[in-house]
Structure formats: structure tokens, C-alpha cells
Amino acid sequence: MGLVAGVGFLASLAAFVFSFIPPSGFTAFSPALYPWIVGLVIIVLGAPPLIFYAVRKPSWDMRTAEDKSVPVTHEADPPAGADRGSAPATRRRPDAASGPPQAG
């Protein structure tokens, strides 16, 4: 898994670096200005989520008290004490219907 993650990181890093190089035949504006515009676009598009996260208010959290008391887990996280070969444990939402779906 580390190899796959490493290759993905390197590919993403290469794409990020190469995005600052203007394509051949690009004439919309000066090639010296191109990296600055790309950087500005990255900042303009990347800043709002970070700002919203920084100024978030507890009242924006729409989860119920019961949902807040359950620790956040991911499907890929194995349950504590489970071996790596077992299937991940799934947890049903309290509002989910119990039992398998019925044929209609």
C-alpha cells in the first residue's frame, strides 16, 4: 500500500509542478506571467474551504447528539483487534431498516 501511495503522491507532485509551465503555443499572456496566474488561481480556489473551516461555528454541526457520541471510522479501517484478512465490520445507522431488503 505504501508503494501505491508513494507513486500517487509523486504523480500528483509532478502534475502540480508541471502545471506552472505554460503549454507550447500559449499566447493569451506573457509566459513569465503564466506561473503567477496559475498560483493565484490555486490560492483563490483553495482558500475558501480553509477559511470556512477556520471560522466554523458549533451551531453549523447538524449531527444529533447520538451521532456525535459515535467515533468517526472509515470503511477501510479494520475493527480493533481484527486480523488484516477479515472483512471490515459495518455499522448500521440507527434509522436504517433492520433486516435484508424485501422483494416488492
PDB file of N, CA and C in Angstrom:
ATOM      1  N   MET A   1       0.822  -1.182   0.000  1.00  0.00           N
ATOM      2  CA  MET A   1       0.000   0.000   0.000  1.00  0.00           C
ATOM      3  C   MET A   1       0.872   1.254   0.000  1.00  0.00           C
ATOM      4  N   GLY A   2       1.974   1.213   0.705  1.00  0.00           N
ATOM      5  CA  GLY A   2       2.882   2.355   0.740  1.00  0.00           C
ATOM      6  C   GLY A   2       3.444   2.678  -0.628  1.00  0.00           C
ATOM      7  N   LEU A   3       3.721   1.650  -1.426  1.00  0.00           N
ATOM      8  CA  LEU A   3       4.238   1.868  -2.780  1.00  0.00           C
ATOM      9  C   LEU A   3       3.196   2.583  -3.642  1.00  0.00           C
ATOM     10  N   VAL A   4       1.965   2.133  -3.566  1.00  0.00           N
ATOM     11  CA  VAL A   4       0.887   2.754  -4.339  1.00  0.00           C
ATOM     12  C   VAL A   4       0.693   4.208  -3.904  1.00  0.00           C
ATOM     13  N   ALA A   5       0.697   4.443  -2.600  1.00  0.00           N
ATOM     14  CA  ALA A   5       0.543   5.809  -2.092  1.00  0.00           C
ATOM     15  C   ALA A   5       1.715   6.682  -2.523  1.00  0.00           C
ATOM     16  N   GLY A   6       2.918   6.141  -2.486  1.00  0.00           N
ATOM     17  CA  GLY A   6       4.100   6.896  -2.891  1.00  0.00           C
ATOM     18  C   GLY A   6       4.069   7.266  -4.366  1.00  0.00           C
ATOM     19  N   VAL A   7       3.688   6.312  -5.202  1.00  0.00           N
ATOM     20  CA  VAL A   7       3.584   6.588  -6.640  1.00  0.00           C
ATOM     21  C   VAL A   7       2.497   7.630  -6.900  1.00  0.00           C
ATOM     22  N   GLY A   8       1.374   7.517  -6.215  1.00  0.00           N
ATOM     23  CA  GLY A   8       0.306   8.502  -6.370  1.00  0.00           C
ATOM     24  C   GLY A   8       0.746   9.886  -5.935  1.00  0.00           C
ATOM     25  N   PHE A   9       1.481   9.965  -4.825  1.00  0.00           N
ATOM     26  CA  PHE A   9       1.989  11.253  -4.357  1.00  0.00           C
ATOM     27  C   PHE A   9       2.950  11.852  -5.366  1.00  0.00           C
ATOM     28  N   LEU A  10       3.884  11.049  -5.879  1.00  0.00           N
ATOM     29  CA  LEU A  10       4.850  11.565  -6.846  1.00  0.00           C
ATOM     30  C   LEU A  10       4.170  12.014  -8.136  1.00  0.00           C
ATOM     31  N   ALA A  11       3.166  11.288  -8.584  1.00  0.00           N
ATOM     32  CA  ALA A  11       2.433  11.681  -9.783  1.00  0.00           C
ATOM     33  C   ALA A  11       1.689  12.996  -9.561  1.00  0.00           C
ATOM     34  N   SER A  12       1.080  13.140  -8.395  1.00  0.00           N
ATOM     35  CA  SER A  12       0.376  14.386  -8.073  1.00  0.00           C
ATOM     36  C   SER A  12       1.351  15.553  -7.974  1.00  0.00           C
ATOM     37  N   LEU A  13       2.492  15.324  -7.367  1.00  0.00           N
ATOM     38  CA  LEU A  13       3.502  16.367  -7.243  1.00  0.00           C
ATOM     39  C   LEU A  13       4.022  16.788  -8.622  1.00  0.00           C
ATOM     40  N   ALA A  14       4.260  15.814  -9.496  1.00  0.00           N
ATOM     41  CA  ALA A  14       4.724  16.129 -10.847  1.00  0.00           C
ATOM     42  C   ALA A  14       3.671  16.931 -11.606  1.00  0.00           C
ATOM     43  N   ALA A  15       2.403  16.551 -11.494  1.00  0.00           N
ATOM     44  CA  ALA A  15       1.335  17.292 -12.173  1.00  0.00           C
ATOM     45  C   ALA A  15       1.251  18.714 -11.637  1.00  0.00           C
ATOM     46  N   PHE A  16       1.411  18.889 -10.332  1.00  0.00           N
ATOM     47  CA  PHE A  16       1.383  20.224  -9.740  1.00  0.00           C
ATOM     48  C   PHE A  16       2.530  21.077 -10.279  1.00  0.00           C
ATOM     49  N   VAL A  17       3.739  20.518 -10.292  1.00  0.00           N
ATOM     50  CA  VAL A  17       4.910  21.269 -10.765  1.00  0.00           C
ATOM     51  C   VAL A  17       4.766  21.599 -12.244  1.00  0.00           C
ATOM     52  N   PHE A  18       4.349  20.626 -13.054  1.00  0.00           N
ATOM     53  CA  PHE A  18       4.225  20.854 -14.497  1.00  0.00           C
ATOM     54  C   PHE A  18       3.102  21.832 -14.830  1.00  0.00           C
ATOM     55  N   SER A  19       2.145  22.017 -13.922  1.00  0.00           N
ATOM     56  CA  SER A  19       1.052  22.953 -14.209  1.00  0.00           C
ATOM     57  C   SER A  19       1.545  24.393 -14.264  1.00  0.00           C
ATOM     58  N   PHE A  20       2.724  24.669 -13.723  1.00  0.00           N
ATOM     59  CA  PHE A  20       3.280  26.017 -13.756  1.00  0.00           C
ATOM     60  C   PHE A  20       4.046  26.306 -15.048  1.00  0.00           C
ATOM     61  N   ILE A  21       4.204  25.315 -15.915  1.00  0.00           N
ATOM     62  CA  ILE A  21       4.900  25.500 -17.188  1.00  0.00           C
ATOM     63  C   ILE A  21       3.854  25.753 -18.267  1.00  0.00           C
ATOM     64  N   PRO A  22       3.923  26.890 -18.964  1.00  0.00           N
ATOM     65  CA  PRO A  22       2.913  27.172 -19.985  1.00  0.00           C
ATOM     66  C   PRO A  22       3.024  26.200 -21.155  1.00  0.00           C
ATOM     67  N   PRO A  23       1.896  25.793 -21.735  1.00  0.00           N
ATOM     68  CA  PRO A  23       1.938  24.900 -22.886  1.00  0.00           C
ATOM     69  C   PRO A  23       2.521  25.607 -24.105  1.00  0.00           C
ATOM     70  N   SER A  24       3.079  24.833 -25.016  1.00  0.00           N
ATOM     71  CA  SER A  24       3.634  25.436 -26.227  1.00  0.00           C
ATOM     72  C   SER A  24       2.511  26.045 -27.056  1.00  0.00           C
ATOM     73  N   GLY A  25       2.784  27.185 -27.637  1.00  0.00           N
ATOM     74  CA  GLY A  25       1.783  27.867 -28.440  1.00  0.00           C
ATOM     75  C   GLY A  25       0.806  28.691 -27.639  1.00  0.00           C
ATOM     76  N   PHE A  26       0.992  28.775 -26.340  1.00  0.00           N
ATOM     77  CA  PHE A  26       0.098  29.561 -25.485  1.00  0.00           C
ATOM     78  C   PHE A  26       0.424  31.039 -25.664  1.00  0.00           C
ATOM     79  N   THR A  27      -0.551  31.837 -26.094  1.00  0.00           N
ATOM     80  CA  THR A  27      -0.288  33.247 -26.391  1.00  0.00           C
ATOM     81  C   THR A  27      -1.244  34.198 -25.683  1.00  0.00           C
ATOM     82  N   ALA A  28      -2.036  33.731 -24.748  1.00  0.00           N
ATOM     83  CA  ALA A  28      -3.025  34.584 -24.090  1.00  0.00           C
ATOM     84  C   ALA A  28      -2.355  35.703 -23.295  1.00  0.00           C
ATOM     85  N   PHE A  29      -1.234  35.406 -22.646  1.00  0.00           N
ATOM     86  CA  PHE A  29      -0.478  36.417 -21.926  1.00  0.00           C
ATOM     87  C   PHE A  29       0.966  35.965 -21.828  1.00  0.00           C
ATOM     88  N   SER A  30       1.811  36.796 -21.274  1.00  0.00           N
ATOM     89  CA  SER A  30       3.248  36.549 -21.215  1.00  0.00           C
ATOM     90  C   SER A  30       3.570  35.224 -20.519  1.00  0.00           C
ATOM     91  N   PRO A  31       4.520  34.464 -21.077  1.00  0.00           N
ATOM     92  CA  PRO A  31       4.935  33.218 -20.410  1.00  0.00           C
ATOM     93  C   PRO A  31       5.498  33.466 -19.006  1.00  0.00           C
ATOM     94  N   ALA A  32       6.071  34.646 -18.745  1.00  0.00           N
ATOM     95  CA  ALA A  32       6.583  34.955 -17.414  1.00  0.00           C
ATOM     96  C   ALA A  32       5.441  35.185 -16.434  1.00  0.00           C
ATOM     97  N   LEU A  33       4.279  35.587 -16.928  1.00  0.00           N
ATOM     98  CA  LEU A  33       3.121  35.844 -16.076  1.00  0.00           C
ATOM     99  C   LEU A  33       2.322  34.562 -15.789  1.00  0.00           C
ATOM    100  N   TYR A  34       2.469  33.562 -16.640  1.00  0.00           N
ATOM    101  CA  TYR A  34       1.688  32.318 -16.544  1.00  0.00           C
ATOM    102  C   TYR A  34       1.798  31.647 -15.167  1.00  0.00           C
ATOM    103  N   PRO A  35       2.999  31.403 -14.621  1.00  0.00           N
ATOM    104  CA  PRO A  35       3.067  30.741 -13.302  1.00  0.00           C
ATOM    105  C   PRO A  35       2.406  31.553 -12.199  1.00  0.00           C
ATOM    106  N   TRP A  36       2.471  32.875 -12.280  1.00  0.00           N
ATOM    107  CA  TRP A  36       1.841  33.728 -11.270  1.00  0.00           C
ATOM    108  C   TRP A  36       0.326  33.603 -11.323  1.00  0.00           C
ATOM    109  N   ILE A  37      -0.216  33.522 -12.530  1.00  0.00           N
ATOM    110  CA  ILE A  37      -1.675  33.374 -12.665  1.00  0.00           C
ATOM    111  C   ILE A  37      -2.118  32.003 -12.173  1.00  0.00           C
ATOM    112  N   VAL A  38      -1.351  30.957 -12.500  1.00  0.00           N
ATOM    113  CA  VAL A  38      -1.681  29.616 -12.016  1.00  0.00           C
ATOM    114  C   VAL A  38      -1.646  29.584 -10.488  1.00  0.00           C
ATOM    115  N   GLY A  39      -0.615  30.189  -9.899  1.00  0.00           N
ATOM    116  CA  GLY A  39      -0.524  30.242  -8.441  1.00  0.00           C
ATOM    117  C   GLY A  39      -1.680  31.009  -7.819  1.00  0.00           C
ATOM    118  N   LEU A  40      -2.072  32.117  -8.450  1.00  0.00           N
ATOM    119  CA  LEU A  40      -3.201  32.905  -7.957  1.00  0.00           C
ATOM    120  C   LEU A  40      -4.500  32.097  -8.014  1.00  0.00           C
ATOM    121  N   VAL A  41      -4.697  31.361  -9.098  1.00  0.00           N
ATOM    122  CA  VAL A  41      -5.903  30.526  -9.223  1.00  0.00           C
ATOM    123  C   VAL A  41      -5.921  29.447  -8.145  1.00  0.00           C
ATOM    124  N   ILE A  42      -4.784  28.850  -7.881  1.00  0.00           N
ATOM    125  CA  ILE A  42      -4.708  27.821  -6.827  1.00  0.00           C
ATOM    126  C   ILE A  42      -5.083  28.417  -5.474  1.00  0.00           C
ATOM    127  N   ILE A  43      -4.581  29.606  -5.192  1.00  0.00           N
ATOM    128  CA  ILE A  43      -4.890  30.262  -3.916  1.00  0.00           C
ATOM    129  C   ILE A  43      -6.365  30.639  -3.840  1.00  0.00           C
ATOM    130  N   VAL A  44      -6.891  31.223  -4.924  1.00  0.00           N
ATOM    131  CA  VAL A  44      -8.298  31.655  -4.926  1.00  0.00           C
ATOM    132  C   VAL A  44      -9.243  30.465  -4.762  1.00  0.00           C
ATOM    133  N   LEU A  45      -8.930  29.354  -5.398  1.00  0.00           N
ATOM    134  CA  LEU A  45      -9.805  28.177  -5.294  1.00  0.00           C
ATOM    135  C   LEU A  45      -9.561  27.375  -4.013  1.00  0.00           C
ATOM    136  N   GLY A  46      -8.358  27.456  -3.457  1.00  0.00           N
ATOM    137  CA  GLY A  46      -8.043  26.665  -2.270  1.00  0.00           C
ATOM    138  C   GLY A  46      -8.333  27.352  -0.957  1.00  0.00           C
ATOM    139  N   ALA A  47      -8.381  28.680  -0.957  1.00  0.00           N
ATOM    140  CA  ALA A  47      -8.554  29.423   0.288  1.00  0.00           C
ATOM    141  C   ALA A  47      -9.948  29.306   0.909  1.00  0.00           C
ATOM    142  N   PRO A  48     -11.041  29.390   0.149  1.00  0.00           N
ATOM    143  CA  PRO A  48     -12.367  29.371   0.798  1.00  0.00           C
ATOM    144  C   PRO A  48     -12.630  28.174   1.712  1.00  0.00           C
ATOM    145  N   PRO A  49     -12.317  26.939   1.315  1.00  0.00           N
ATOM    146  CA  PRO A  49     -12.563  25.844   2.267  1.00  0.00           C
ATOM    147  C   PRO A  49     -11.758  25.992   3.559  1.00  0.00           C
ATOM    148  N   LEU A  50     -10.536  26.476   3.454  1.00  0.00           N
ATOM    149  CA  LEU A  50      -9.716  26.656   4.650  1.00  0.00           C
ATOM    150  C   LEU A  50     -10.277  27.766   5.530  1.00  0.00           C
ATOM    151  N   ILE A  51     -10.783  28.837   4.910  1.00  0.00           N
ATOM    152  CA  ILE A  51     -11.376  29.928   5.678  1.00  0.00           C
ATOM    153  C   ILE A  51     -12.654  29.462   6.367  1.00  0.00           C
ATOM    154  N   PHE A  52     -13.517  28.752   5.624  1.00  0.00           N
ATOM    155  CA  PHE A  52     -14.754  28.237   6.226  1.00  0.00           C
ATOM    156  C   PHE A  52     -14.445  27.316   7.405  1.00  0.00           C
ATOM    157  N   TYR A  53     -13.435  26.476   7.263  1.00  0.00           N
ATOM    158  CA  TYR A  53     -13.064  25.576   8.347  1.00  0.00           C
ATOM    159  C   TYR A  53     -12.569  26.362   9.558  1.00  0.00           C
ATOM    160  N   ALA A  54     -11.790  27.431   9.311  1.00  0.00           N
ATOM    161  CA  ALA A  54     -11.229  28.210  10.405  1.00  0.00           C
ATOM    162  C   ALA A  54     -12.299  28.987  11.176  1.00  0.00           C
ATOM    163  N   VAL A  55     -13.377  29.411  10.507  1.00  0.00           N
ATOM    164  CA  VAL A  55     -14.387  30.235  11.165  1.00  0.00           C
ATOM    165  C   VAL A  55     -15.676  29.458  11.467  1.00  0.00           C
ATOM    166  N   ARG A  56     -15.616  28.139  11.363  1.00  0.00           N
ATOM    167  CA  ARG A  56     -16.826  27.335  11.581  1.00  0.00           C
ATOM    168  C   ARG A  56     -17.373  27.560  12.992  1.00  0.00           C
ATOM    169  N   LYS A  57     -18.679  27.373  13.130  1.00  0.00           N
ATOM    170  CA  LYS A  57     -19.352  27.551  14.421  1.00  0.00           C
ATOM    171  C   LYS A  57     -19.960  26.220  14.840  1.00  0.00           C
ATOM    172  N   PRO A  58     -20.000  25.942  16.126  1.00  0.00           N
ATOM    173  CA  PRO A  58     -20.616  24.683  16.584  1.00  0.00           C
ATOM    174  C   PRO A  58     -22.066  24.553  16.141  1.00  0.00           C
ATOM    175  N   SER A  59     -22.761  25.667  15.953  1.00  0.00           N
ATOM    176  CA  SER A  59     -24.165  25.600  15.542  1.00  0.00           C
ATOM    177  C   SER A  59     -24.331  25.065  14.120  1.00  0.00           C
ATOM    178  N   TRP A  60     -23.253  25.042  13.331  1.00  0.00           N
ATOM    179  CA  TRP A  60     -23.335  24.522  11.960  1.00  0.00           C
ATOM    180  C   TRP A  60     -23.352  22.995  11.932  1.00  0.00           C
ATOM    181  N   ASP A  61     -22.972  22.355  13.029  1.00  0.00           N
ATOM    182  CA  ASP A  61     -22.920  20.890  13.083  1.00  0.00           C
ATOM    183  C   ASP A  61     -24.343  20.353  13.177  1.00  0.00           C
ATOM    184  N   MET A  62     -24.807  19.683  12.125  1.00  0.00           N
ATOM    185  CA  MET A  62     -26.188  19.217  12.041  1.00  0.00           C
ATOM    186  C   MET A  62     -26.385  17.799  12.588  1.00  0.00           C
ATOM    187  N   ARG A  63     -25.315  17.194  13.128  1.00  0.00           N
ATOM    188  CA  ARG A  63     -25.458  15.836  13.658  1.00  0.00           C
ATOM    189  C   ARG A  63     -26.235  15.848  14.964  1.00  0.00           C
ATOM    190  N   THR A  64     -26.900  14.725  15.243  1.00  0.00           N
ATOM    191  CA  THR A  64     -27.602  14.587  16.513  1.00  0.00           C
ATOM    192  C   THR A  64     -26.585  14.292  17.605  1.00  0.00           C
ATOM    193  N   ALA A  65     -27.013  14.416  18.863  1.00  0.00           N
ATOM    194  CA  ALA A  65     -26.118  14.130  19.991  1.00  0.00           C
ATOM    195  C   ALA A  65     -25.645  12.684  19.941  1.00  0.00           C
ATOM    196  N   GLU A  66     -26.525  11.772  19.505  1.00  0.00           N
ATOM    197  CA  GLU A  66     -26.149  10.356  19.402  1.00  0.00           C
ATOM    198  C   GLU A  66     -25.072  10.165  18.342  1.00  0.00           C
ATOM    199  N   ASP A  67     -25.219  10.837  17.191  1.00  0.00           N
ATOM    200  CA  ASP A  67     -24.213  10.720  16.134  1.00  0.00           C
ATOM    201  C   ASP A  67     -22.871  11.295  16.580  1.00  0.00           C
ATOM    202  N   LYS A  68     -22.899  12.373  17.360  1.00  0.00           N
ATOM    203  CA  LYS A  68     -21.663  12.991  17.826  1.00  0.00           C
ATOM    204  C   LYS A  68     -20.931  12.094  18.820  1.00  0.00           C
ATOM    205  N   SER A  69     -21.655  11.229  19.535  1.00  0.00           N
ATOM    206  CA  SER A  69     -21.027  10.377  20.533  1.00  0.00           C
ATOM    207  C   SER A  69     -20.334   9.167  19.917  1.00  0.00           C
ATOM    208  N   VAL A  70     -20.640   8.846  18.648  1.00  0.00           N
ATOM    209  CA  VAL A  70     -20.038   7.693  17.975  1.00  0.00           C
ATOM    210  C   VAL A  70     -18.742   8.143  17.308  1.00  0.00           C
ATOM    211  N   PRO A  71     -17.619   7.484  17.586  1.00  0.00           N
ATOM    212  CA  PRO A  71     -16.368   7.897  16.954  1.00  0.00           C
ATOM    213  C   PRO A  71     -16.434   7.701  15.436  1.00  0.00           C
ATOM    214  N   VAL A  72     -15.795   8.595  14.734  1.00  0.00           N
ATOM    215  CA  VAL A  72     -15.784   8.529  13.274  1.00  0.00           C
ATOM    216  C   VAL A  72     -14.808   7.454  12.844  1.00  0.00           C
ATOM    217  N   THR A  73     -15.286   6.518  12.039  1.00  0.00           N
ATOM    218  CA  THR A  73     -14.431   5.474  11.479  1.00  0.00           C
ATOM    219  C   THR A  73     -14.646   5.441   9.982  1.00  0.00           C
ATOM    220  N   HIS A  74     -13.756   4.785   9.297  1.00  0.00           N
ATOM    221  CA  HIS A  74     -13.845   4.660   7.850  1.00  0.00           C
ATOM    222  C   HIS A  74     -14.002   3.194   7.505  1.00  0.00           C
ATOM    223  N   GLU A  75     -14.623   2.941   6.377  1.00  0.00           N
ATOM    224  CA  GLU A  75     -14.824   1.559   5.948  1.00  0.00           C
ATOM    225  C   GLU A  75     -13.496   0.819   5.819  1.00  0.00           C
ATOM    226  N   ALA A  76     -12.437   1.532   5.471  1.00  0.00           N
ATOM    227  CA  ALA A  76     -11.145   0.877   5.272  1.00  0.00           C
ATOM    228  C   ALA A  76     -10.454   0.561   6.594  1.00  0.00           C
ATOM    229  N   ASP A  77     -10.892   1.183   7.696  1.00  0.00           N
ATOM    230  CA  ASP A  77     -10.275   0.925   8.985  1.00  0.00           C
ATOM    231  C   ASP A  77     -10.763  -0.404   9.541  1.00  0.00           C
ATOM    232  N   PRO A  78      -9.848  -1.331   9.831  1.00  0.00           N
ATOM    233  CA  PRO A  78     -10.284  -2.594  10.416  1.00  0.00           C
ATOM    234  C   PRO A  78     -10.705  -2.378  11.864  1.00  0.00           C
ATOM    235  N   PRO A  79     -11.649  -3.175  12.357  1.00  0.00           N
ATOM    236  CA  PRO A  79     -12.025  -3.050  13.767  1.00  0.00           C
ATOM    237  C   PRO A  79     -10.839  -3.401  14.660  1.00  0.00           C
ATOM    238  N   ALA A  80     -10.824  -2.858  15.850  1.00  0.00           N
ATOM    239  CA  ALA A  80      -9.722  -3.099  16.782  1.00  0.00           C
ATOM    240  C   ALA A  80      -9.599  -4.589  17.059  1.00  0.00           C
ATOM    241  N   GLY A  81      -8.383  -5.098  16.984  1.00  0.00           N
ATOM    242  CA  GLY A  81      -8.116  -6.494  17.292  1.00  0.00           C
ATOM    243  C   GLY A  81      -8.387  -7.448  16.141  1.00  0.00           C
ATOM    244  N   ALA A  82      -8.875  -6.961  15.025  1.00  0.00           N
ATOM    245  CA  ALA A  82      -9.163  -7.848  13.892  1.00  0.00           C
ATOM    246  C   ALA A  82      -7.898  -8.083  13.088  1.00  0.00           C
ATOM    247  N   ASP A  83      -7.792  -9.284  12.518  1.00  0.00           N
ATOM    248  CA  ASP A  83      -6.650  -9.531  11.650  1.00  0.00           C
ATOM    249  C   ASP A  83      -6.906  -8.885  10.287  1.00  0.00           C
ATOM    250  N   ARG A  84      -5.873  -8.700   9.517  1.00  0.00           N
ATOM    251  CA  ARG A  84      -6.000  -7.985   8.249  1.00  0.00           C
ATOM    252  C   ARG A  84      -6.778  -8.769   7.199  1.00  0.00           C
ATOM    253  N   GLY A  85      -6.952 -10.036   7.377  1.00  0.00           N
ATOM    254  CA  GLY A  85      -7.637 -10.838   6.378  1.00  0.00           C
ATOM    255  C   GLY A  85      -9.148 -10.847   6.519  1.00  0.00           C
ATOM    256  N   SER A  86      -9.671 -10.329   7.618  1.00  0.00           N
ATOM    257  CA  SER A  86     -11.113 -10.397   7.827  1.00  0.00           C
ATOM    258  C   SER A  86     -11.813  -9.234   7.141  1.00  0.00           C
ATOM    259  N   ALA A  87     -13.088  -9.414   6.899  1.00  0.00           N
ATOM    260  CA  ALA A  87     -13.893  -8.364   6.264  1.00  0.00           C
ATOM    261  C   ALA A  87     -14.109  -7.230   7.253  1.00  0.00           C
ATOM    262  N   PRO A  88     -14.207  -5.987   6.759  1.00  0.00           N
ATOM    263  CA  PRO A  88     -14.424  -4.871   7.682  1.00  0.00           C
ATOM    264  C   PRO A  88     -15.796  -4.948   8.337  1.00  0.00           C
ATOM    265  N   ALA A  89     -15.843  -4.534   9.579  1.00  0.00           N
ATOM    266  CA  ALA A  89     -17.114  -4.514  10.298  1.00  0.00           C
ATOM    267  C   ALA A  89     -17.939  -3.339   9.780  1.00  0.00           C
ATOM    268  N   THR A  90     -19.209  -3.582   9.579  1.00  0.00           N
ATOM    269  CA  THR A  90     -20.073  -2.497   9.132  1.00  0.00           C
ATOM    270  C   THR A  90     -21.015  -2.138  10.265  1.00  0.00           C
ATOM    271  N   ARG A  91     -21.393  -0.906  10.297  1.00  0.00           N
ATOM    272  CA  ARG A  91     -22.263  -0.422  11.349  1.00  0.00           C
ATOM    273  C   ARG A  91     -23.486   0.181  10.683  1.00  0.00           C
ATOM    274  N   ARG A  92     -24.667  -0.222  11.133  1.00  0.00           N
ATOM    275  CA  ARG A  92     -25.903   0.317  10.570  1.00  0.00           C
ATOM    276  C   ARG A  92     -26.248   1.615  11.253  1.00  0.00           C
ATOM    277  N   ARG A  93     -26.789   2.520  10.482  1.00  0.00           N
ATOM    278  CA  ARG A  93     -27.294   3.749  11.067  1.00  0.00           C
ATOM    279  C   ARG A  93     -28.529   3.413  11.877  1.00  0.00           C
ATOM    280  N   PRO A  94     -28.780   4.130  12.968  1.00  0.00           N
ATOM    281  CA  PRO A  94     -29.949   3.831  13.796  1.00  0.00           C
ATOM    282  C   PRO A  94     -31.266   3.946  13.042  1.00  0.00           C
ATOM    283  N   ASP A  95     -31.315   4.800  12.023  1.00  0.00           N
ATOM    284  CA  ASP A  95     -32.573   4.972  11.289  1.00  0.00           C
ATOM    285  C   ASP A  95     -32.727   3.987  10.133  1.00  0.00           C
ATOM    286  N   ALA A  96     -31.713   3.133   9.900  1.00  0.00           N
ATOM    287  CA  ALA A  96     -31.775   2.170   8.798  1.00  0.00           C
ATOM    288  C   ALA A  96     -32.743   1.036   9.160  1.00  0.00           C
ATOM    289  N   ALA A  97     -33.437   0.548   8.167  1.00  0.00           N
ATOM    290  CA  ALA A  97     -34.362  -0.571   8.383  1.00  0.00           C
ATOM    291  C   ALA A  97     -33.565  -1.820   8.729  1.00  0.00           C
ATOM    292  N   SER A  98     -34.096  -2.610   9.643  1.00  0.00           N
ATOM    293  CA  SER A  98     -33.386  -3.825  10.016  1.00  0.00           C
ATOM    294  C   SER A  98     -33.749  -4.957   9.068  1.00  0.00           C
ATOM    295  N   GLY A  99     -32.796  -5.840   8.869  1.00  0.00           N
ATOM    296  CA  GLY A  99     -33.014  -6.993   8.011  1.00  0.00           C
ATOM    297  C   GLY A  99     -32.743  -6.686   6.563  1.00  0.00           C
ATOM    298  N   PRO A 100     -32.711  -7.746   5.739  1.00  0.00           N
ATOM    299  CA  PRO A 100     -32.424  -7.548   4.319  1.00  0.00           C
ATOM    300  C   PRO A 100     -33.600  -6.871   3.625  1.00  0.00           C
ATOM    301  N   PRO A 101     -33.344  -6.244   2.478  1.00  0.00           N
ATOM    302  CA  PRO A 101     -34.438  -5.605   1.744  1.00  0.00           C
ATOM    303  C   PRO A 101     -35.468  -6.637   1.283  1.00  0.00           C
ATOM    304  N   GLN A 102     -36.700  -6.256   1.331  1.00  0.00           N
ATOM    305  CA  GLN A 102     -37.788  -7.152   0.939  1.00  0.00           C
ATOM    306  C   GLN A 102     -38.077  -6.999  -0.538  1.00  0.00           C
ATOM    307  N   ALA A 103     -38.355  -8.121  -1.201  1.00  0.00           N
ATOM    308  CA  ALA A 103     -38.719  -8.085  -2.615  1.00  0.00           C
ATOM    309  C   ALA A 103     -40.130  -7.520  -2.729  1.00  0.00           C
ATOM    310  N   GLY A 104     -40.342  -6.649  -3.718  1.00  0.00           N
ATOM    311  CA  GLY A 104     -41.633  -5.991  -3.829  1.00  0.00           C
ATOM    312  C   GLY A 104     -42.433  -6.426  -4.922  1.00  0.00           C
TER     313      GLY A 104
END
